[in-house]
């Protein structure tokens, strides 16, 4: 079994309130969850308007498939253009 985990850090340039931040984060989370069927949620920087940390995890039995899925997911998030990706931390764990 292989587990893929990651944290993506975003910079939200247009946010001036937590309400506008929540709208952008919910949009990203909803679209990724629907397209890739991953567990995903906001995990950090909850009180900072212009920054968001989103964590995700995947489980599978093929390391290459999970790696490819994570790459496609990051490309899709970047292509959305809702927020600037400033950092990513990805890890694949064999269990």
PDB file of N, CA and C in Angstrom:
ATOM      1  N   UNK A   1       0.853  -1.176   0.000  1.00  0.00           N
ATOM      2  CA  UNK A   1       0.000   0.000   0.000  1.00  0.00           C
ATOM      3  C   UNK A   1       0.898   1.237   0.000  1.00  0.00           C
ATOM      4  N   UNK A   2       0.495   2.231  -0.757  1.00  0.00           N
ATOM      5  CA  UNK A   2       1.229   3.487  -0.855  1.00  0.00           C
ATOM      6  C   UNK A   2       0.295   4.625  -0.435  1.00  0.00           C
ATOM      7  N   UNK A   3       0.816   5.527   0.392  1.00  0.00           N
ATOM      8  CA  UNK A   3       0.066   6.696   0.836  1.00  0.00           C
ATOM      9  C   UNK A   3       0.786   7.938   0.332  1.00  0.00           C
ATOM     10  N   UNK A   4       0.046   8.817  -0.330  1.00  0.00           N
ATOM     11  CA  UNK A   4       0.591  10.091  -0.781  1.00  0.00           C
ATOM     12  C   UNK A   4      -0.005  11.217   0.046  1.00  0.00           C
ATOM     13  N   UNK A   5       0.857  12.051   0.610  1.00  0.00           N
ATOM     14  CA  UNK A   5       0.382  13.188   1.402  1.00  0.00           C
ATOM     15  C   UNK A   5       1.075  14.456   0.916  1.00  0.00           C
ATOM     16  N   UNK A   6       0.442  15.579   1.172  1.00  0.00           N
ATOM     17  CA  UNK A   6       1.049  16.837   0.763  1.00  0.00           C
ATOM     18  C   UNK A   6       0.388  18.039   1.388  1.00  0.00           C
ATOM     19  N   UNK A   7       1.125  19.125   1.397  1.00  0.00           N
ATOM     20  CA  UNK A   7       0.621  20.427   1.838  1.00  0.00           C
ATOM     21  C   UNK A   7       0.973  21.433   0.753  1.00  0.00           C
ATOM     22  N   UNK A   8      -0.012  22.202   0.342  1.00  0.00           N
ATOM     23  CA  UNK A   8       0.182  23.238  -0.663  1.00  0.00           C
ATOM     24  C   UNK A   8      -0.067  24.581   0.022  1.00  0.00           C
ATOM     25  N   UNK A   9       0.883  25.501  -0.120  1.00  0.00           N
ATOM     26  CA  UNK A   9       0.753  26.836   0.456  1.00  0.00           C
ATOM     27  C   UNK A   9       0.438  27.820  -0.661  1.00  0.00           C
ATOM     28  N   UNK A  10      -0.601  28.614  -0.437  1.00  0.00           N
ATOM     29  CA  UNK A  10      -1.069  29.582  -1.426  1.00  0.00           C
ATOM     30  C   UNK A  10      -0.908  31.003  -0.917  1.00  0.00           C
ATOM     31  N   UNK A  11      -0.709  31.929  -1.849  1.00  0.00           N
ATOM     32  CA  UNK A  11      -0.801  33.358  -1.562  1.00  0.00           C
ATOM     33  C   UNK A  11      -2.059  33.861  -2.262  1.00  0.00           C
ATOM     34  N   UNK A  12      -2.930  34.510  -1.499  1.00  0.00           N
ATOM     35  CA  UNK A  12      -4.198  35.021  -2.014  1.00  0.00           C
ATOM     36  C   UNK A  12      -4.099  36.543  -2.088  1.00  0.00           C
ATOM     37  N   UNK A  13      -3.851  37.064  -3.278  1.00  0.00           N
ATOM     38  CA  UNK A  13      -3.575  38.486  -3.433  1.00  0.00           C
ATOM     39  C   UNK A  13      -4.794  39.370  -3.213  1.00  0.00           C
ATOM     40  N   UNK A  14      -5.959  38.929  -3.599  1.00  0.00           N
ATOM     41  CA  UNK A  14      -7.153  39.773  -3.595  1.00  0.00           C
ATOM     42  C   UNK A  14      -7.916  39.751  -2.275  1.00  0.00           C
ATOM     43  N   UNK A  15      -7.520  38.959  -1.315  1.00  0.00           N
ATOM     44  CA  UNK A  15      -8.297  38.793  -0.089  1.00  0.00           C
ATOM     45  C   UNK A  15      -8.090  39.949   0.875  1.00  0.00           C
ATOM     46  N   UNK A  16      -9.220  40.468   1.354  1.00  0.00           N
ATOM     47  CA  UNK A  16      -9.203  41.511   2.373  1.00  0.00           C
ATOM     48  C   UNK A  16      -9.999  41.104   3.605  1.00  0.00           C
ATOM     49  N   UNK A  17     -10.565  39.881   3.583  1.00  0.00           N
ATOM     50  CA  UNK A  17     -11.336  39.389   4.717  1.00  0.00           C
ATOM     51  C   UNK A  17     -11.291  37.868   4.736  1.00  0.00           C
ATOM     52  N   UNK A  18     -11.641  37.298   5.883  1.00  0.00           N
ATOM     53  CA  UNK A  18     -11.683  35.844   5.982  1.00  0.00           C
ATOM     54  C   UNK A  18     -12.800  35.260   5.118  1.00  0.00           C
ATOM     55  N   UNK A  19     -13.846  36.047   4.907  1.00  0.00           N
ATOM     56  CA  UNK A  19     -14.958  35.594   4.068  1.00  0.00           C
ATOM     57  C   UNK A  19     -14.508  35.395   2.617  1.00  0.00           C
ATOM     58  N   UNK A  20     -13.734  36.318   2.084  1.00  0.00           N
ATOM     59  CA  UNK A  20     -13.253  36.167   0.708  1.00  0.00           C
ATOM     60  C   UNK A  20     -12.224  35.042   0.611  1.00  0.00           C
ATOM     61  N   UNK A  21     -11.414  34.877   1.667  1.00  0.00           N
ATOM     62  CA  UNK A  21     -10.458  33.770   1.685  1.00  0.00           C
ATOM     63  C   UNK A  21     -11.197  32.439   1.684  1.00  0.00           C
ATOM     64  N   UNK A  22     -12.214  32.317   2.521  1.00  0.00           N
ATOM     65  CA  UNK A  22     -12.986  31.090   2.621  1.00  0.00           C
ATOM     66  C   UNK A  22     -13.625  30.720   1.289  1.00  0.00           C
ATOM     67  N   UNK A  23     -14.086  31.724   0.552  1.00  0.00           N
ATOM     68  CA  UNK A  23     -14.710  31.483  -0.750  1.00  0.00           C
ATOM     69  C   UNK A  23     -13.704  30.865  -1.733  1.00  0.00           C
ATOM     70  N   UNK A  24     -12.500  31.387  -1.770  1.00  0.00           N
ATOM     71  CA  UNK A  24     -11.464  30.874  -2.680  1.00  0.00           C
ATOM     72  C   UNK A  24     -11.026  29.477  -2.255  1.00  0.00           C
ATOM     73  N   UNK A  25     -10.783  29.277  -0.962  1.00  0.00           N
ATOM     74  CA  UNK A  25     -10.323  27.980  -0.462  1.00  0.00           C
ATOM     75  C   UNK A  25     -11.385  26.909  -0.702  1.00  0.00           C
ATOM     76  N   UNK A  26     -12.648  27.234  -0.429  1.00  0.00           N
ATOM     77  CA  UNK A  26     -13.718  26.264  -0.656  1.00  0.00           C
ATOM     78  C   UNK A  26     -13.826  25.896  -2.126  1.00  0.00           C
ATOM     79  N   UNK A  27     -13.627  26.859  -3.010  1.00  0.00           N
ATOM     80  CA  UNK A  27     -13.683  26.584  -4.439  1.00  0.00           C
ATOM     81  C   UNK A  27     -12.578  25.625  -4.861  1.00  0.00           C
ATOM     82  N   UNK A  28     -11.356  25.883  -4.396  1.00  0.00           N
ATOM     83  CA  UNK A  28     -10.224  25.004  -4.728  1.00  0.00           C
ATOM     84  C   UNK A  28     -10.468  23.604  -4.179  1.00  0.00           C
ATOM     85  N   UNK A  29     -10.846  23.508  -2.909  1.00  0.00           N
ATOM     86  CA  UNK A  29     -11.065  22.213  -2.268  1.00  0.00           C
ATOM     87  C   UNK A  29     -12.168  21.432  -2.980  1.00  0.00           C
ATOM     88  N   UNK A  30     -13.260  22.098  -3.293  1.00  0.00           N
ATOM     89  CA  UNK A  30     -14.393  21.437  -3.953  1.00  0.00           C
ATOM     90  C   UNK A  30     -14.006  20.900  -5.327  1.00  0.00           C
ATOM     91  N   UNK A  31     -13.322  21.698  -6.124  1.00  0.00           N
ATOM     92  CA  UNK A  31     -12.947  21.269  -7.474  1.00  0.00           C
ATOM     93  C   UNK A  31     -11.953  20.113  -7.448  1.00  0.00           C
ATOM     94  N   UNK A  32     -10.976  20.169  -6.549  1.00  0.00           N
ATOM     95  CA  UNK A  32      -9.986  19.090  -6.458  1.00  0.00           C
ATOM     96  C   UNK A  32     -10.641  17.807  -5.961  1.00  0.00           C
ATOM     97  N   UNK A  33     -11.489  17.915  -4.941  1.00  0.00           N
ATOM     98  CA  UNK A  33     -12.156  16.739  -4.392  1.00  0.00           C
ATOM     99  C   UNK A  33     -13.032  16.060  -5.449  1.00  0.00           C
ATOM    100  N   UNK A  34     -13.737  16.848  -6.241  1.00  0.00           N
ATOM    101  CA  UNK A  34     -14.617  16.278  -7.262  1.00  0.00           C
ATOM    102  C   UNK A  34     -13.848  15.631  -8.404  1.00  0.00           C
ATOM    103  N   UNK A  35     -12.746  16.239  -8.813  1.00  0.00           N
ATOM    104  CA  UNK A  35     -12.024  15.716  -9.972  1.00  0.00           C
ATOM    105  C   UNK A  35     -11.110  14.546  -9.628  1.00  0.00           C
ATOM    106  N   UNK A  36     -10.455  14.584  -8.465  1.00  0.00           N
ATOM    107  CA  UNK A  36      -9.432  13.586  -8.143  1.00  0.00           C
ATOM    108  C   UNK A  36      -9.812  12.629  -7.009  1.00  0.00           C
ATOM    109  N   UNK A  37     -10.944  12.840  -6.350  1.00  0.00           N
ATOM    110  CA  UNK A  37     -11.400  11.973  -5.273  1.00  0.00           C
ATOM    111  C   UNK A  37     -10.324  11.791  -4.198  1.00  0.00           C
ATOM    112  N   UNK A  38      -9.814  12.891  -3.683  1.00  0.00           N
ATOM    113  CA  UNK A  38      -8.804  12.881  -2.625  1.00  0.00           C
ATOM    114  C   UNK A  38      -9.397  13.472  -1.358  1.00  0.00           C
ATOM    115  N   UNK A  39      -8.769  13.174  -0.227  1.00  0.00           N
ATOM    116  CA  UNK A  39      -9.115  13.833   1.030  1.00  0.00           C
ATOM    117  C   UNK A  39      -8.338  15.136   1.074  1.00  0.00           C
ATOM    118  N   UNK A  40      -9.048  16.258   1.206  1.00  0.00           N
ATOM    119  CA  UNK A  40      -8.395  17.560   1.138  1.00  0.00           C
ATOM    120  C   UNK A  40      -9.118  18.535   2.065  1.00  0.00           C
ATOM    121  N   UNK A  41      -8.335  19.392   2.745  1.00  0.00           N
ATOM    122  CA  UNK A  41      -8.907  20.375   3.666  1.00  0.00           C
ATOM    123  C   UNK A  41      -7.891  21.472   3.943  1.00  0.00           C
ATOM    124  N   UNK A  42      -8.396  22.613   4.414  1.00  0.00           N
ATOM    125  CA  UNK A  42      -7.499  23.679   4.868  1.00  0.00           C
ATOM    126  C   UNK A  42      -6.921  23.264   6.209  1.00  0.00           C
ATOM    127  N   UNK A  43      -5.595  23.298   6.330  1.00  0.00           N
ATOM    128  CA  UNK A  43      -4.945  22.776   7.539  1.00  0.00           C
ATOM    129  C   UNK A  43      -4.110  23.799   8.295  1.00  0.00           C
ATOM    130  N   UNK A  44      -3.949  24.999   7.768  1.00  0.00           N
ATOM    131  CA  UNK A  44      -3.123  25.966   8.469  1.00  0.00           C
ATOM    132  C   UNK A  44      -3.368  27.380   7.983  1.00  0.00           C
ATOM    133  N   UNK A  45      -2.753  28.336   8.673  1.00  0.00           N
ATOM    134  CA  UNK A  45      -2.876  29.766   8.352  1.00  0.00           C
ATOM    135  C   UNK A  45      -4.333  30.189   8.325  1.00  0.00           C
ATOM    136  N   UNK A  46      -5.107  29.724   9.310  1.00  0.00           N
ATOM    137  CA  UNK A  46      -6.547  29.980   9.320  1.00  0.00           C
ATOM    138  C   UNK A  46      -6.915  31.444   9.552  1.00  0.00           C
ATOM    139  N   UNK A  47      -6.092  32.187  10.255  1.00  0.00           N
ATOM    140  CA  UNK A  47      -6.428  33.571  10.571  1.00  0.00           C
ATOM    141  C   UNK A  47      -5.707  34.589   9.696  1.00  0.00           C
ATOM    142  N   UNK A  48      -4.953  34.124   8.727  1.00  0.00           N
ATOM    143  CA  UNK A  48      -4.209  35.025   7.853  1.00  0.00           C
ATOM    144  C   UNK A  48      -4.973  35.172   6.542  1.00  0.00           C
ATOM    145  N   UNK A  49      -5.342  36.410   6.188  1.00  0.00           N
ATOM    146  CA  UNK A  49      -6.178  36.657   5.009  1.00  0.00           C
ATOM    147  C   UNK A  49      -5.539  36.229   3.708  1.00  0.00           C
ATOM    148  N   UNK A  50      -4.263  36.508   3.543  1.00  0.00           N
ATOM    149  CA  UNK A  50      -3.646  36.350   2.231  1.00  0.00           C
ATOM    150  C   UNK A  50      -2.774  35.106   2.112  1.00  0.00           C
ATOM    151  N   UNK A  51      -3.013  34.124   2.978  1.00  0.00           N
ATOM    152  CA  UNK A  51      -2.252  32.877   2.898  1.00  0.00           C
ATOM    153  C   UNK A  51      -3.159  31.723   3.286  1.00  0.00           C
ATOM    154  N   UNK A  52      -2.984  30.590   2.616  1.00  0.00           N
ATOM    155  CA  UNK A  52      -3.761  29.393   2.935  1.00  0.00           C
ATOM    156  C   UNK A  52      -2.878  28.169   2.797  1.00  0.00           C
ATOM    157  N   UNK A  53      -3.018  27.238   3.725  1.00  0.00           N
ATOM    158  CA  UNK A  53      -2.329  25.953   3.668  1.00  0.00           C
ATOM    159  C   UNK A  53      -3.394  24.877   3.511  1.00  0.00           C
ATOM    160  N   UNK A  54      -3.297  24.120   2.423  1.00  0.00           N
ATOM    161  CA  UNK A  54      -4.265  23.068   2.149  1.00  0.00           C
ATOM    162  C   UNK A  54      -3.524  21.738   2.132  1.00  0.00           C
ATOM    163  N   UNK A  55      -4.016  20.784   2.916  1.00  0.00           N
ATOM    164  CA  UNK A  55      -3.413  19.460   2.981  1.00  0.00           C
ATOM    165  C   UNK A  55      -4.283  18.443   2.263  1.00  0.00           C
ATOM    166  N   UNK A  56      -3.643  17.417   1.728  1.00  0.00           N
ATOM    167  CA  UNK A  56      -4.382  16.370   1.025  1.00  0.00           C
ATOM    168  C   UNK A  56      -3.707  15.024   1.228  1.00  0.00           C
ATOM    169  N   UNK A  57      -4.472  13.959   0.989  1.00  0.00           N
ATOM    170  CA  UNK A  57      -3.911  12.612   1.053  1.00  0.00           C
ATOM    171  C   UNK A  57      -4.612  11.705   0.052  1.00  0.00           C
ATOM    172  N   UNK A  58      -3.852  10.706  -0.434  1.00  0.00           N
ATOM    173  CA  UNK A  58      -4.348   9.700  -1.373  1.00  0.00           C
ATOM    174  C   UNK A  58      -3.827   8.346  -0.925  1.00  0.00           C
ATOM    175  N   UNK A  59      -4.552   7.302  -1.248  1.00  0.00           N
ATOM    176  CA  UNK A  59      -4.117   5.943  -0.947  1.00  0.00           C
ATOM    177  C   UNK A  59      -4.270   5.107  -2.206  1.00  0.00           C
ATOM    178  N   UNK A  60      -3.285   4.250  -2.469  1.00  0.00           N
ATOM    179  CA  UNK A  60      -3.350   3.371  -3.626  1.00  0.00           C
ATOM    180  C   UNK A  60      -2.350   2.245  -3.492  1.00  0.00           C
ATOM    181  N   UNK A  61      -2.201   1.488  -4.563  1.00  0.00           N
ATOM    182  CA  UNK A  61      -1.260   0.386  -4.513  1.00  0.00           C
ATOM    183  C   UNK A  61      -0.118   0.529  -5.511  1.00  0.00           C
ATOM    184  N   UNK A  62      -0.097   1.622  -6.276  1.00  0.00           N
ATOM    185  CA  UNK A  62       0.949   1.825  -7.274  1.00  0.00           C
ATOM    186  C   UNK A  62       1.572   3.203  -7.064  1.00  0.00           C
ATOM    187  N   UNK A  63       2.858   3.214  -6.777  1.00  0.00           N
ATOM    188  CA  UNK A  63       3.571   4.468  -6.492  1.00  0.00           C
ATOM    189  C   UNK A  63       3.553   5.424  -7.680  1.00  0.00           C
ATOM    190  N   UNK A  64       3.751   4.885  -8.878  1.00  0.00           N
ATOM    191  CA  UNK A  64       3.775   5.741 -10.075  1.00  0.00           C
ATOM    192  C   UNK A  64       2.433   6.397 -10.342  1.00  0.00           C
ATOM    193  N   UNK A  65       1.354   5.649 -10.140  1.00  0.00           N
ATOM    194  CA  UNK A  65       0.011   6.191 -10.367  1.00  0.00           C
ATOM    195  C   UNK A  65      -0.273   7.334  -9.388  1.00  0.00           C
ATOM    196  N   UNK A  66       0.079   7.142  -8.119  1.00  0.00           N
ATOM    197  CA  UNK A  66      -0.142   8.199  -7.124  1.00  0.00           C
ATOM    198  C   UNK A  66       0.703   9.428  -7.422  1.00  0.00           C
ATOM    199  N   UNK A  67       1.949   9.226  -7.816  1.00  0.00           N
ATOM    200  CA  UNK A  67       2.822  10.348  -8.150  1.00  0.00           C
ATOM    201  C   UNK A  67       2.253  11.131  -9.333  1.00  0.00           C
ATOM    202  N   UNK A  68       1.784  10.423 -10.337  1.00  0.00           N
ATOM    203  CA  UNK A  68       1.185  11.061 -11.508  1.00  0.00           C
ATOM    204  C   UNK A  68      -0.082  11.828 -11.131  1.00  0.00           C
ATOM    205  N   UNK A  69      -0.894  11.223 -10.269  1.00  0.00           N
ATOM    206  CA  UNK A  69      -2.138  11.871  -9.839  1.00  0.00           C
ATOM    207  C   UNK A  69      -1.847  13.158  -9.064  1.00  0.00           C
ATOM    208  N   UNK A  70      -0.822  13.130  -8.204  1.00  0.00           N
ATOM    209  CA  UNK A  70      -0.460  14.338  -7.453  1.00  0.00           C
ATOM    210  C   UNK A  70       0.059  15.429  -8.391  1.00  0.00           C
ATOM    211  N   UNK A  71       0.852  15.048  -9.380  1.00  0.00           N
ATOM    212  CA  UNK A  71       1.342  16.034 -10.354  1.00  0.00           C
ATOM    213  C   UNK A  71       0.194  16.658 -11.134  1.00  0.00           C
ATOM    214  N   UNK A  72      -0.747  15.840 -11.583  1.00  0.00           N
ATOM    215  CA  UNK A  72      -1.904  16.356 -12.324  1.00  0.00           C
ATOM    216  C   UNK A  72      -2.754  17.264 -11.444  1.00  0.00           C
ATOM    217  N   UNK A  73      -2.883  16.896 -10.177  1.00  0.00           N
ATOM    218  CA  UNK A  73      -3.654  17.709  -9.249  1.00  0.00           C
ATOM    219  C   UNK A  73      -2.998  19.081  -9.054  1.00  0.00           C
ATOM    220  N   UNK A  74      -1.678  19.114  -8.881  1.00  0.00           N
ATOM    221  CA  UNK A  74      -0.979  20.388  -8.712  1.00  0.00           C
ATOM    222  C   UNK A  74      -1.076  21.246  -9.972  1.00  0.00           C
ATOM    223  N   UNK A  75      -0.976  20.615 -11.143  1.00  0.00           N
ATOM    224  CA  UNK A  75      -1.110  21.362 -12.392  1.00  0.00           C
ATOM    225  C   UNK A  75      -2.506  21.953 -12.533  1.00  0.00           C
ATOM    226  N   UNK A  76      -3.536  21.192 -12.150  1.00  0.00           N
ATOM    227  CA  UNK A  76      -4.900  21.686 -12.234  1.00  0.00           C
ATOM    228  C   UNK A  76      -5.129  22.856 -11.272  1.00  0.00           C
ATOM    229  N   UNK A  77      -4.604  22.736 -10.055  1.00  0.00           N
ATOM    230  CA  UNK A  77      -4.743  23.817  -9.073  1.00  0.00           C
ATOM    231  C   UNK A  77      -4.067  25.081  -9.574  1.00  0.00           C
ATOM    232  N   UNK A  78      -2.881  24.938 -10.146  1.00  0.00           N
ATOM    233  CA  UNK A  78      -2.156  26.087 -10.682  1.00  0.00           C
ATOM    234  C   UNK A  78      -2.909  26.704 -11.862  1.00  0.00           C
ATOM    235  N   UNK A  79      -3.520  25.868 -12.694  1.00  0.00           N
ATOM    236  CA  UNK A  79      -4.250  26.355 -13.867  1.00  0.00           C
ATOM    237  C   UNK A  79      -5.556  27.056 -13.495  1.00  0.00           C
ATOM    238  N   UNK A  80      -6.103  26.770 -12.313  1.00  0.00           N
ATOM    239  CA  UNK A  80      -7.333  27.446 -11.901  1.00  0.00           C
ATOM    240  C   UNK A  80      -7.139  28.962 -11.816  1.00  0.00           C
ATOM    241  N   UNK A  81      -5.965  29.392 -11.375  1.00  0.00           N
ATOM    242  CA  UNK A  81      -5.664  30.810 -11.290  1.00  0.00           C
ATOM    243  C   UNK A  81      -6.357  31.530 -10.146  1.00  0.00           C
ATOM    244  N   UNK A  82      -6.895  30.791  -9.176  1.00  0.00           N
ATOM    245  CA  UNK A  82      -7.579  31.421  -8.049  1.00  0.00           C
ATOM    246  C   UNK A  82      -6.598  31.949  -7.011  1.00  0.00           C
ATOM    247  N   UNK A  83      -5.434  31.305  -6.923  1.00  0.00           N
ATOM    248  CA  UNK A  83      -4.422  31.692  -5.945  1.00  0.00           C
ATOM    249  C   UNK A  83      -3.053  31.287  -6.474  1.00  0.00           C
ATOM    250  N   UNK A  84      -2.034  31.962  -5.978  1.00  0.00           N
ATOM    251  CA  UNK A  84      -0.662  31.667  -6.382  1.00  0.00           C
ATOM    252  C   UNK A  84      -0.085  30.577  -5.482  1.00  0.00           C
ATOM    253  N   UNK A  85       0.409  29.511  -6.068  1.00  0.00           N
ATOM    254  CA  UNK A  85       1.058  28.439  -5.306  1.00  0.00           C
ATOM    255  C   UNK A  85       2.481  28.898  -4.988  1.00  0.00           C
ATOM    256  N   UNK A  86       2.794  29.016  -3.690  1.00  0.00           N
ATOM    257  CA  UNK A  86       4.124  29.494  -3.318  1.00  0.00           C
ATOM    258  C   UNK A  86       5.001  28.389  -2.743  1.00  0.00           C
ATOM    259  N   UNK A  87       4.385  27.268  -2.304  1.00  0.00           N
ATOM    260  CA  UNK A  87       5.186  26.167  -1.761  1.00  0.00           C
ATOM    261  C   UNK A  87       4.379  24.875  -1.804  1.00  0.00           C
ATOM    262  N   UNK A  88       5.083  23.773  -2.045  1.00  0.00           N
ATOM    263  CA  UNK A  88       4.449  22.454  -1.980  1.00  0.00           C
ATOM    264  C   UNK A  88       5.370  21.494  -1.239  1.00  0.00           C
ATOM    265  N   UNK A  89       4.778  20.647  -0.435  1.00  0.00           N
ATOM    266  CA  UNK A  89       5.504  19.575   0.243  1.00  0.00           C
ATOM    267  C   UNK A  89       4.762  18.294  -0.071  1.00  0.00           C
ATOM    268  N   UNK A  90       5.407  17.374  -0.791  1.00  0.00           N
ATOM    269  CA  UNK A  90       4.782  16.122  -1.200  1.00  0.00           C
ATOM    270  C   UNK A  90       5.599  14.958  -0.656  1.00  0.00           C
ATOM    271  N   UNK A  91       4.909  13.885  -0.289  1.00  0.00           N
ATOM    272  CA  UNK A  91       5.607  12.699   0.199  1.00  0.00           C
ATOM    273  C   UNK A  91       4.818  11.453  -0.159  1.00  0.00           C
ATOM    274  N   UNK A  92       5.516  10.424  -0.606  1.00  0.00           N
ATOM    275  CA  UNK A  92       4.925   9.112  -0.864  1.00  0.00           C
ATOM    276  C   UNK A  92       5.499   8.132   0.151  1.00  0.00           C
ATOM    277  N   UNK A  93       4.632   7.411   0.846  1.00  0.00           N
ATOM    278  CA  UNK A  93       5.060   6.504   1.903  1.00  0.00           C
ATOM    279  C   UNK A  93       4.604   5.096   1.553  1.00  0.00           C
ATOM    280  N   UNK A  94       5.540   4.144   1.538  1.00  0.00           N
ATOM    281  CA  UNK A  94       5.198   2.726   1.344  1.00  0.00           C
ATOM    282  C   UNK A  94       4.922   2.103   2.700  1.00  0.00           C
ATOM    283  N   UNK A  95       3.784   1.439   2.784  1.00  0.00           N
ATOM    284  CA  UNK A  95       3.417   0.788   4.053  1.00  0.00           C
ATOM    285  C   UNK A  95       3.358  -0.707   3.822  1.00  0.00           C
TER     286      UNK A  95
END
